[in-house]
């Protein structure tokens, strides 16, 4: 892989670490640094002739949360692979990063050789997670499923019927017609369902139902 020129972007607020990564990749050869900064705003407003193949993205930037900005960065560089670098191994944060479009997650502290290994892994397999991370995510999803199952068990019979119809994409009026009840009765049941599932919209509820298993 060392013979292949890869374009790299670095978003890291720790200046010594940022410069160390930049210098290491330049000395190693095969890498071109497109940008290196601690502020995501700097890259979003600039125009670049080259598109980064990889962007190393710190979670705690000078002007934003890196993970919260993944979608904005992907919109500007849709072909780039984003690798989140952070010392936070919270599985919820990892899941959010992956859902937002990250291709990998590398814990600090890491060696410079590990950075290159991540590039290789993503090129070969399309993504990278360190050992143990997958287990954390699976455990989190299993706990979420158990919680959602308990919520479903606490629904009334009518609420369960309505949830079933919502998951099929039926509108409130269609549910009312199907169950032979009024639109207002359906609306009342749905408000109770929202409270029990801790959601604020049909979209959030459908997302929970579709990711239940």
Foldseek 3Di string as FASTA:
>chain_A
DQVAAFEEEEAAAPVVVQVVLVVVDVVSHNYDYQYTYQDPVVVLPDDGPDAGQEYEFEQDGPHHGRLVCLLSVCVVRVNHAYEYEEQDLQLVSVVSSVVSPHQEYHYPPDDSVVVVVQVVCCVVPVHDYDPPSVVNNVVVLVVLLVLVVVLLVPQDPLLNLLLVVLLVVDDLVRSCVVVVHDSVVSVVSVVVSCVSVVHDDSVVSNVCVVSND
